[in-house]
Amino acid sequence: MQPIKPETEEDKWQLALLTLPLGESGSGMVRYGAAMYFYHRGMLDTDTLEAHRICCNLDSEDPKAVVRSRAGNKTG
């Protein structure tokens, strides 16, 4: 996952949402919404978006760990 470099004030706001601490109630869904924002801006890849989708109802799960786990399971 490449670091996101905010280009606008909205990007800065969405990046703050994307990086909410794990474990806060509702944070998984908020992070997923921010991930969708960056995906539509072309700043987030499909695998990372999918990791955020998987974690959206699991506030304590780390999407980065999911990306790493899924990358290790790919063949080819």
PDB file of N, CA and C in Angstrom:
ATOM      1  N   MET A   1       0.849  -1.177   0.000  1.00  0.00           N
ATOM      2  CA  MET A   1       0.000   0.000   0.000  1.00  0.00           C
ATOM      3  C   MET A   1       0.889   1.232   0.000  1.00  0.00           C
ATOM      4  N   GLN A   2       0.713   2.070  -0.993  1.00  0.00           N
ATOM      5  CA  GLN A   2       1.464   3.316  -1.100  1.00  0.00           C
ATOM      6  C   GLN A   2       0.883   4.353  -0.148  1.00  0.00           C
ATOM      7  N   PRO A   3       1.731   5.163   0.473  1.00  0.00           N
ATOM      8  CA  PRO A   3       1.197   6.227   1.325  1.00  0.00           C
ATOM      9  C   PRO A   3       0.374   7.221   0.497  1.00  0.00           C
ATOM     10  N   ILE A   4      -0.684   7.693   1.083  1.00  0.00           N
ATOM     11  CA  ILE A   4      -1.545   8.671   0.416  1.00  0.00           C
ATOM     12  C   ILE A   4      -1.000  10.058   0.708  1.00  0.00           C
ATOM     13  N   LYS A   5      -0.809  10.830  -0.343  1.00  0.00           N
ATOM     14  CA  LYS A   5      -0.338  12.212  -0.221  1.00  0.00           C
ATOM     15  C   LYS A   5      -1.515  13.132  -0.507  1.00  0.00           C
ATOM     16  N   PRO A   6      -2.066  13.766   0.532  1.00  0.00           N
ATOM     17  CA  PRO A   6      -3.235  14.620   0.320  1.00  0.00           C
ATOM     18  C   PRO A   6      -2.930  15.790  -0.605  1.00  0.00           C
ATOM     19  N   GLU A   7      -3.870  16.052  -1.511  1.00  0.00           N
ATOM     20  CA  GLU A   7      -3.725  17.141  -2.472  1.00  0.00           C
ATOM     21  C   GLU A   7      -4.682  18.297  -2.186  1.00  0.00           C
ATOM     22  N   THR A   8      -5.742  18.022  -1.449  1.00  0.00           N
ATOM     23  CA  THR A   8      -6.755  19.037  -1.162  1.00  0.00           C
ATOM     24  C   THR A   8      -7.077  19.017   0.335  1.00  0.00           C
ATOM     25  N   GLU A   9      -7.831  20.007   0.769  1.00  0.00           N
ATOM     26  CA  GLU A   9      -8.278  20.027   2.167  1.00  0.00           C
ATOM     27  C   GLU A   9      -9.186  18.829   2.448  1.00  0.00           C
ATOM     28  N   GLU A  10     -10.019  18.460   1.483  1.00  0.00           N
ATOM     29  CA  GLU A  10     -10.874  17.286   1.661  1.00  0.00           C
ATOM     30  C   GLU A  10     -10.026  16.024   1.800  1.00  0.00           C
ATOM     31  N   ASP A  11      -8.959  15.924   1.005  1.00  0.00           N
ATOM     32  CA  ASP A  11      -8.042  14.782   1.135  1.00  0.00           C
ATOM     33  C   ASP A  11      -7.473  14.714   2.549  1.00  0.00           C
ATOM     34  N   LYS A  12      -7.101  15.852   3.102  1.00  0.00           N
ATOM     35  CA  LYS A  12      -6.537  15.884   4.460  1.00  0.00           C
ATOM     36  C   LYS A  12      -7.561  15.379   5.468  1.00  0.00           C
ATOM     37  N   TRP A  13      -8.803  15.830   5.330  1.00  0.00           N
ATOM     38  CA  TRP A  13      -9.868  15.409   6.224  1.00  0.00           C
ATOM     39  C   TRP A  13     -10.111  13.902   6.100  1.00  0.00           C
ATOM     40  N   GLN A  14     -10.205  13.422   4.862  1.00  0.00           N
ATOM     41  CA  GLN A  14     -10.454  12.000   4.635  1.00  0.00           C
ATOM     42  C   GLN A  14      -9.280  11.142   5.135  1.00  0.00           C
ATOM     43  N   LEU A  15      -8.068  11.640   5.006  1.00  0.00           N
ATOM     44  CA  LEU A  15      -6.910  10.905   5.507  1.00  0.00           C
ATOM     45  C   LEU A  15      -6.964  10.784   7.033  1.00  0.00           C
ATOM     46  N   ALA A  16      -7.421  11.835   7.698  1.00  0.00           N
ATOM     47  CA  ALA A  16      -7.594  11.771   9.156  1.00  0.00           C
ATOM     48  C   ALA A  16      -8.621  10.693   9.514  1.00  0.00           C
ATOM     49  N   LEU A  17      -9.683  10.582   8.730  1.00  0.00           N
ATOM     50  CA  LEU A  17     -10.691   9.549   8.970  1.00  0.00           C
ATOM     51  C   LEU A  17     -10.138   8.161   8.674  1.00  0.00           C
ATOM     52  N   LEU A  18      -9.369   8.051   7.608  1.00  0.00           N
ATOM     53  CA  LEU A  18      -8.787   6.770   7.215  1.00  0.00           C
ATOM     54  C   LEU A  18      -7.834   6.230   8.274  1.00  0.00           C
ATOM     55  N   THR A  19      -7.236   7.112   9.030  1.00  0.00           N
ATOM     56  CA  THR A  19      -6.233   6.704  10.012  1.00  0.00           C
ATOM     57  C   THR A  19      -6.753   6.783  11.456  1.00  0.00           C
ATOM     58  N   LEU A  20      -8.075   6.741  11.612  1.00  0.00           N
ATOM     59  CA  LEU A  20      -8.635   6.699  12.963  1.00  0.00           C
ATOM     60  C   LEU A  20      -8.035   5.515  13.716  1.00  0.00           C
ATOM     61  N   PRO A  21      -7.837   5.661  15.023  1.00  0.00           N
ATOM     62  CA  PRO A  21      -7.278   4.557  15.805  1.00  0.00           C
ATOM     63  C   PRO A  21      -8.176   3.321  15.764  1.00  0.00           C
ATOM     64  N   LEU A  22      -7.548   2.171  15.751  1.00  0.00           N
ATOM     65  CA  LEU A  22      -8.282   0.914  15.801  1.00  0.00           C
ATOM     66  C   LEU A  22      -9.011   0.816  17.133  1.00  0.00           C
ATOM     67  N   GLY A  23     -10.165   0.199  17.115  1.00  0.00           N
ATOM     68  CA  GLY A  23     -10.891  -0.078  18.336  1.00  0.00           C
ATOM     69  C   GLY A  23     -11.952   0.929  18.713  1.00  0.00           C
ATOM     70  N   GLU A  24     -11.912   2.129  18.149  1.00  0.00           N
ATOM     71  CA  GLU A  24     -12.965   3.107  18.445  1.00  0.00           C
ATOM     72  C   GLU A  24     -14.276   2.627  17.838  1.00  0.00           C
ATOM     73  N   SER A  25     -15.343   2.736  18.587  1.00  0.00           N
ATOM     74  CA  SER A  25     -16.647   2.293  18.113  1.00  0.00           C
ATOM     75  C   SER A  25     -17.011   2.994  16.797  1.00  0.00           C
ATOM     76  N   GLY A  26     -17.341   2.208  15.793  1.00  0.00           N
ATOM     77  CA  GLY A  26     -17.733   2.750  14.492  1.00  0.00           C
ATOM     78  C   GLY A  26     -16.579   3.127  13.582  1.00  0.00           C
ATOM     79  N   SER A  27     -15.346   2.987  14.066  1.00  0.00           N
ATOM     80  CA  SER A  27     -14.188   3.442  13.282  1.00  0.00           C
ATOM     81  C   SER A  27     -13.958   2.619  12.016  1.00  0.00           C
ATOM     82  N   GLY A  28     -14.314   1.346  12.046  1.00  0.00           N
ATOM     83  CA  GLY A  28     -14.116   0.514  10.852  1.00  0.00           C
ATOM     84  C   GLY A  28     -14.936   1.017   9.680  1.00  0.00           C
ATOM     85  N   MET A  29     -16.175   1.383   9.931  1.00  0.00           N
ATOM     86  CA  MET A  29     -17.046   1.882   8.866  1.00  0.00           C
ATOM     87  C   MET A  29     -16.587   3.252   8.382  1.00  0.00           C
ATOM     88  N   VAL A  30     -16.133   4.093   9.307  1.00  0.00           N
ATOM     89  CA  VAL A  30     -15.638   5.417   8.921  1.00  0.00           C
ATOM     90  C   VAL A  30     -14.383   5.272   8.065  1.00  0.00           C
ATOM     91  N   ARG A  31     -13.478   4.380   8.468  1.00  0.00           N
ATOM     92  CA  ARG A  31     -12.264   4.148   7.667  1.00  0.00           C
ATOM     93  C   ARG A  31     -12.623   3.621   6.276  1.00  0.00           C
ATOM     94  N   TYR A  32     -13.620   2.740   6.209  1.00  0.00           N
ATOM     95  CA  TYR A  32     -14.053   2.208   4.918  1.00  0.00           C
ATOM     96  C   TYR A  32     -14.603   3.325   4.022  1.00  0.00           C
ATOM     97  N   GLY A  33     -15.386   4.214   4.587  1.00  0.00           N
ATOM     98  CA  GLY A  33     -15.896   5.345   3.810  1.00  0.00           C
ATOM     99  C   GLY A  33     -14.767   6.199   3.264  1.00  0.00           C
ATOM    100  N   ALA A  34     -13.762   6.449   4.083  1.00  0.00           N
ATOM    101  CA  ALA A  34     -12.605   7.227   3.629  1.00  0.00           C
ATOM    102  C   ALA A  34     -11.825   6.446   2.571  1.00  0.00           C
ATOM    103  N   ALA A  35     -11.737   5.142   2.735  1.00  0.00           N
ATOM    104  CA  ALA A  35     -11.053   4.314   1.732  1.00  0.00           C
ATOM    105  C   ALA A  35     -11.767   4.405   0.385  1.00  0.00           C
ATOM    106  N   MET A  36     -13.111   4.385   0.412  1.00  0.00           N
ATOM    107  CA  MET A  36     -13.884   4.531  -0.829  1.00  0.00           C
ATOM    108  C   MET A  36     -13.583   5.877  -1.489  1.00  0.00           C
ATOM    109  N   TYR A  37     -13.499   6.916  -0.676  1.00  0.00           N
ATOM    110  CA  TYR A  37     -13.179   8.250  -1.190  1.00  0.00           C
ATOM    111  C   TYR A  37     -11.850   8.204  -1.952  1.00  0.00           C
ATOM    112  N   PHE A  38     -10.820   7.652  -1.321  1.00  0.00           N
ATOM    113  CA  PHE A  38      -9.502   7.629  -1.958  1.00  0.00           C
ATOM    114  C   PHE A  38      -9.459   6.671  -3.139  1.00  0.00           C
ATOM    115  N   TYR A  39     -10.210   5.586  -3.086  1.00  0.00           N
ATOM    116  CA  TYR A  39     -10.283   4.672  -4.219  1.00  0.00           C
ATOM    117  C   TYR A  39     -10.862   5.393  -5.438  1.00  0.00           C
ATOM    118  N   HIS A  40     -11.934   6.128  -5.234  1.00  0.00           N
ATOM    119  CA  HIS A  40     -12.564   6.867  -6.347  1.00  0.00           C
ATOM    120  C   HIS A  40     -11.681   7.998  -6.858  1.00  0.00           C
ATOM    121  N   ARG A  41     -10.776   8.472  -6.037  1.00  0.00           N
ATOM    122  CA  ARG A  41      -9.821   9.511  -6.477  1.00  0.00           C
ATOM    123  C   ARG A  41      -8.599   8.878  -7.142  1.00  0.00           C
ATOM    124  N   GLY A  42      -8.541   7.544  -7.193  1.00  0.00           N
ATOM    125  CA  GLY A  42      -7.402   6.859  -7.801  1.00  0.00           C
ATOM    126  C   GLY A  42      -6.167   6.841  -6.909  1.00  0.00           C
ATOM    127  N   MET A  43      -6.376   7.018  -5.615  1.00  0.00           N
ATOM    128  CA  MET A  43      -5.260   7.105  -4.678  1.00  0.00           C
ATOM    129  C   MET A  43      -5.147   5.871  -3.778  1.00  0.00           C
ATOM    130  N   LEU A  44      -6.011   4.877  -3.995  1.00  0.00           N
ATOM    131  CA  LEU A  44      -6.023   3.666  -3.184  1.00  0.00           C
ATOM    132  C   LEU A  44      -6.303   2.496  -4.110  1.00  0.00           C
ATOM    133  N   ASP A  45      -5.558   1.410  -3.946  1.00  0.00           N
ATOM    134  CA  ASP A  45      -5.727   0.267  -4.838  1.00  0.00           C
ATOM    135  C   ASP A  45      -6.886  -0.634  -4.396  1.00  0.00           C
ATOM    136  N   THR A  46      -7.275  -1.526  -5.276  1.00  0.00           N
ATOM    137  CA  THR A  46      -8.408  -2.417  -5.050  1.00  0.00           C
ATOM    138  C   THR A  46      -8.191  -3.327  -3.850  1.00  0.00           C
ATOM    139  N   ASP A  47      -6.995  -3.877  -3.701  1.00  0.00           N
ATOM    140  CA  ASP A  47      -6.720  -4.784  -2.580  1.00  0.00           C
ATOM    141  C   ASP A  47      -6.876  -4.081  -1.240  1.00  0.00           C
ATOM    142  N   THR A  48      -6.432  -2.851  -1.159  1.00  0.00           N
ATOM    143  CA  THR A  48      -6.544  -2.101   0.088  1.00  0.00           C
ATOM    144  C   THR A  48      -7.991  -1.740   0.367  1.00  0.00           C
ATOM    145  N   LEU A  49      -8.726  -1.373  -0.670  1.00  0.00           N
ATOM    146  CA  LEU A  49     -10.151  -1.093  -0.494  1.00  0.00           C
ATOM    147  C   LEU A  49     -10.868  -2.341   0.016  1.00  0.00           C
ATOM    148  N   GLU A  50     -10.557  -3.485  -0.542  1.00  0.00           N
ATOM    149  CA  GLU A  50     -11.175  -4.738  -0.112  1.00  0.00           C
ATOM    150  C   GLU A  50     -10.842  -5.036   1.355  1.00  0.00           C
ATOM    151  N   ALA A  51      -9.622  -4.771   1.768  1.00  0.00           N
ATOM    152  CA  ALA A  51      -9.244  -4.976   3.167  1.00  0.00           C
ATOM    153  C   ALA A  51     -10.073  -4.088   4.088  1.00  0.00           C
ATOM    154  N   HIS A  52     -10.309  -2.865   3.680  1.00  0.00           N
ATOM    155  CA  HIS A  52     -11.144  -1.971   4.486  1.00  0.00           C
ATOM    156  C   HIS A  52     -12.594  -2.457   4.498  1.00  0.00           C
ATOM    157  N   ARG A  53     -13.060  -3.019   3.390  1.00  0.00           N
ATOM    158  CA  ARG A  53     -14.419  -3.568   3.359  1.00  0.00           C
ATOM    159  C   ARG A  53     -14.532  -4.728   4.346  1.00  0.00           C
ATOM    160  N   ILE A  54     -13.550  -5.612   4.335  1.00  0.00           N
ATOM    161  CA  ILE A  54     -13.543  -6.756   5.242  1.00  0.00           C
ATOM    162  C   ILE A  54     -13.579  -6.290   6.697  1.00  0.00           C
ATOM    163  N   CYS A  55     -12.861  -5.220   6.990  1.00  0.00           N
ATOM    164  CA  CYS A  55     -12.730  -4.732   8.367  1.00  0.00           C
ATOM    165  C   CYS A  55     -13.812  -3.733   8.783  1.00  0.00           C
ATOM    166  N   CYS A  56     -14.712  -3.377   7.897  1.00  0.00           N
ATOM    167  CA  CYS A  56     -15.623  -2.269   8.202  1.00  0.00           C
ATOM    168  C   CYS A  56     -16.504  -2.520   9.417  1.00  0.00           C
ATOM    169  N   ASN A  57     -16.837  -3.748   9.703  1.00  0.00           N
ATOM    170  CA  ASN A  57     -17.644  -4.050  10.888  1.00  0.00           C
ATOM    171  C   ASN A  57     -16.798  -4.571  12.047  1.00  0.00           C
ATOM    172  N   LEU A  58     -15.493  -4.530  11.887  1.00  0.00           N
ATOM    173  CA  LEU A  58     -14.567  -5.036  12.890  1.00  0.00           C
ATOM    174  C   LEU A  58     -13.644  -3.895  13.304  1.00  0.00           C
ATOM    175  N   ASP A  59     -14.108  -3.071  14.195  1.00  0.00           N
ATOM    176  CA  ASP A  59     -13.407  -1.833  14.548  1.00  0.00           C
ATOM    177  C   ASP A  59     -11.966  -2.041  15.008  1.00  0.00           C
ATOM    178  N   SER A  60     -11.666  -3.216  15.554  1.00  0.00           N
ATOM    179  CA  SER A  60     -10.319  -3.463  16.077  1.00  0.00           C
ATOM    180  C   SER A  60      -9.385  -4.119  15.071  1.00  0.00           C
ATOM    181  N   GLU A  61      -9.906  -4.532  13.928  1.00  0.00           N
ATOM    182  CA  GLU A  61      -9.065  -5.206  12.930  1.00  0.00           C
ATOM    183  C   GLU A  61      -8.292  -4.189  12.097  1.00  0.00           C
ATOM    184  N   ASP A  62      -7.030  -4.503  11.840  1.00  0.00           N
ATOM    185  CA  ASP A  62      -6.147  -3.617  11.085  1.00  0.00           C
ATOM    186  C   ASP A  62      -6.195  -3.961   9.598  1.00  0.00           C
ATOM    187  N   PRO A  63      -6.700  -3.062   8.760  1.00  0.00           N
ATOM    188  CA  PRO A  63      -6.745  -3.330   7.321  1.00  0.00           C
ATOM    189  C   PRO A  63      -5.364  -3.620   6.727  1.00  0.00           C
ATOM    190  N   LYS A  64      -4.323  -3.012   7.283  1.00  0.00           N
ATOM    191  CA  LYS A  64      -2.970  -3.272   6.774  1.00  0.00           C
ATOM    192  C   LYS A  64      -2.588  -4.725   6.986  1.00  0.00           C
ATOM    193  N   ALA A  65      -2.973  -5.297   8.113  1.00  0.00           N
ATOM    194  CA  ALA A  65      -2.693  -6.708   8.388  1.00  0.00           C
ATOM    195  C   ALA A  65      -3.467  -7.598   7.423  1.00  0.00           C
ATOM    196  N   VAL A  66      -4.687  -7.194   7.093  1.00  0.00           N
ATOM    197  CA  VAL A  66      -5.492  -7.965   6.142  1.00  0.00           C
ATOM    198  C   VAL A  66      -4.833  -7.925   4.763  1.00  0.00           C
ATOM    199  N   VAL A  67      -4.352  -6.759   4.346  1.00  0.00           N
ATOM    200  CA  VAL A  67      -3.667  -6.652   3.046  1.00  0.00           C
ATOM    201  C   VAL A  67      -2.469  -7.589   3.024  1.00  0.00           C
ATOM    202  N   ARG A  68      -1.664  -7.552   4.089  1.00  0.00           N
ATOM    203  CA  ARG A  68      -0.462  -8.410   4.151  1.00  0.00           C
ATOM    204  C   ARG A  68      -0.860  -9.885   4.108  1.00  0.00           C
ATOM    205  N   SER A  69      -1.895 -10.241   4.854  1.00  0.00           N
ATOM    206  CA  SER A  69      -2.344 -11.630   4.904  1.00  0.00           C
ATOM    207  C   SER A  69      -2.828 -12.112   3.546  1.00  0.00           C
ATOM    208  N   ARG A  70      -3.616 -11.275   2.893  1.00  0.00           N
ATOM    209  CA  ARG A  70      -4.149 -11.655   1.585  1.00  0.00           C
ATOM    210  C   ARG A  70      -3.067 -11.701   0.525  1.00  0.00           C
ATOM    211  N   ALA A  71      -2.078 -10.832   0.624  1.00  0.00           N
ATOM    212  CA  ALA A  71      -0.965 -10.827  -0.347  1.00  0.00           C
ATOM    213  C   ALA A  71      -0.171 -12.120  -0.225  1.00  0.00           C
ATOM    214  N   GLY A  72      -0.042 -12.630   0.986  1.00  0.00           N
ATOM    215  CA  GLY A  72       0.683 -13.881   1.209  1.00  0.00           C
ATOM    216  C   GLY A  72      -0.054 -15.087   0.680  1.00  0.00           C
ATOM    217  N   ASN A  73      -1.375 -14.962   0.451  1.00  0.00           N
ATOM    218  CA  ASN A  73      -2.179 -16.069  -0.026  1.00  0.00           C
ATOM    219  C   ASN A  73      -2.322 -16.097  -1.540  1.00  0.00           C
ATOM    220  N   LYS A  74      -1.813 -15.089  -2.231  1.00  0.00           N
ATOM    221  CA  LYS A  74      -1.920 -15.057  -3.696  1.00  0.00           C
ATOM    222  C   LYS A  74      -0.887 -15.977  -4.305  1.00  0.00           C
ATOM    223  N   THR A  75      -1.273 -16.626  -5.379  1.00  0.00           N
ATOM    224  CA  THR A  75      -0.344 -17.486  -6.109  1.00  0.00           C
ATOM    225  C   THR A  75      -0.132 -16.903  -7.486  1.00  0.00           C
ATOM    226  N   GLY A  76       0.952 -17.315  -8.082  1.00  0.00           N
ATOM    227  CA  GLY A  76       1.181 -16.869  -9.454  1.00  0.00           C
ATOM    228  C   GLY A  76       2.342 -16.053  -9.501  1.00  0.00           C
TER     229      GLY A  76
END
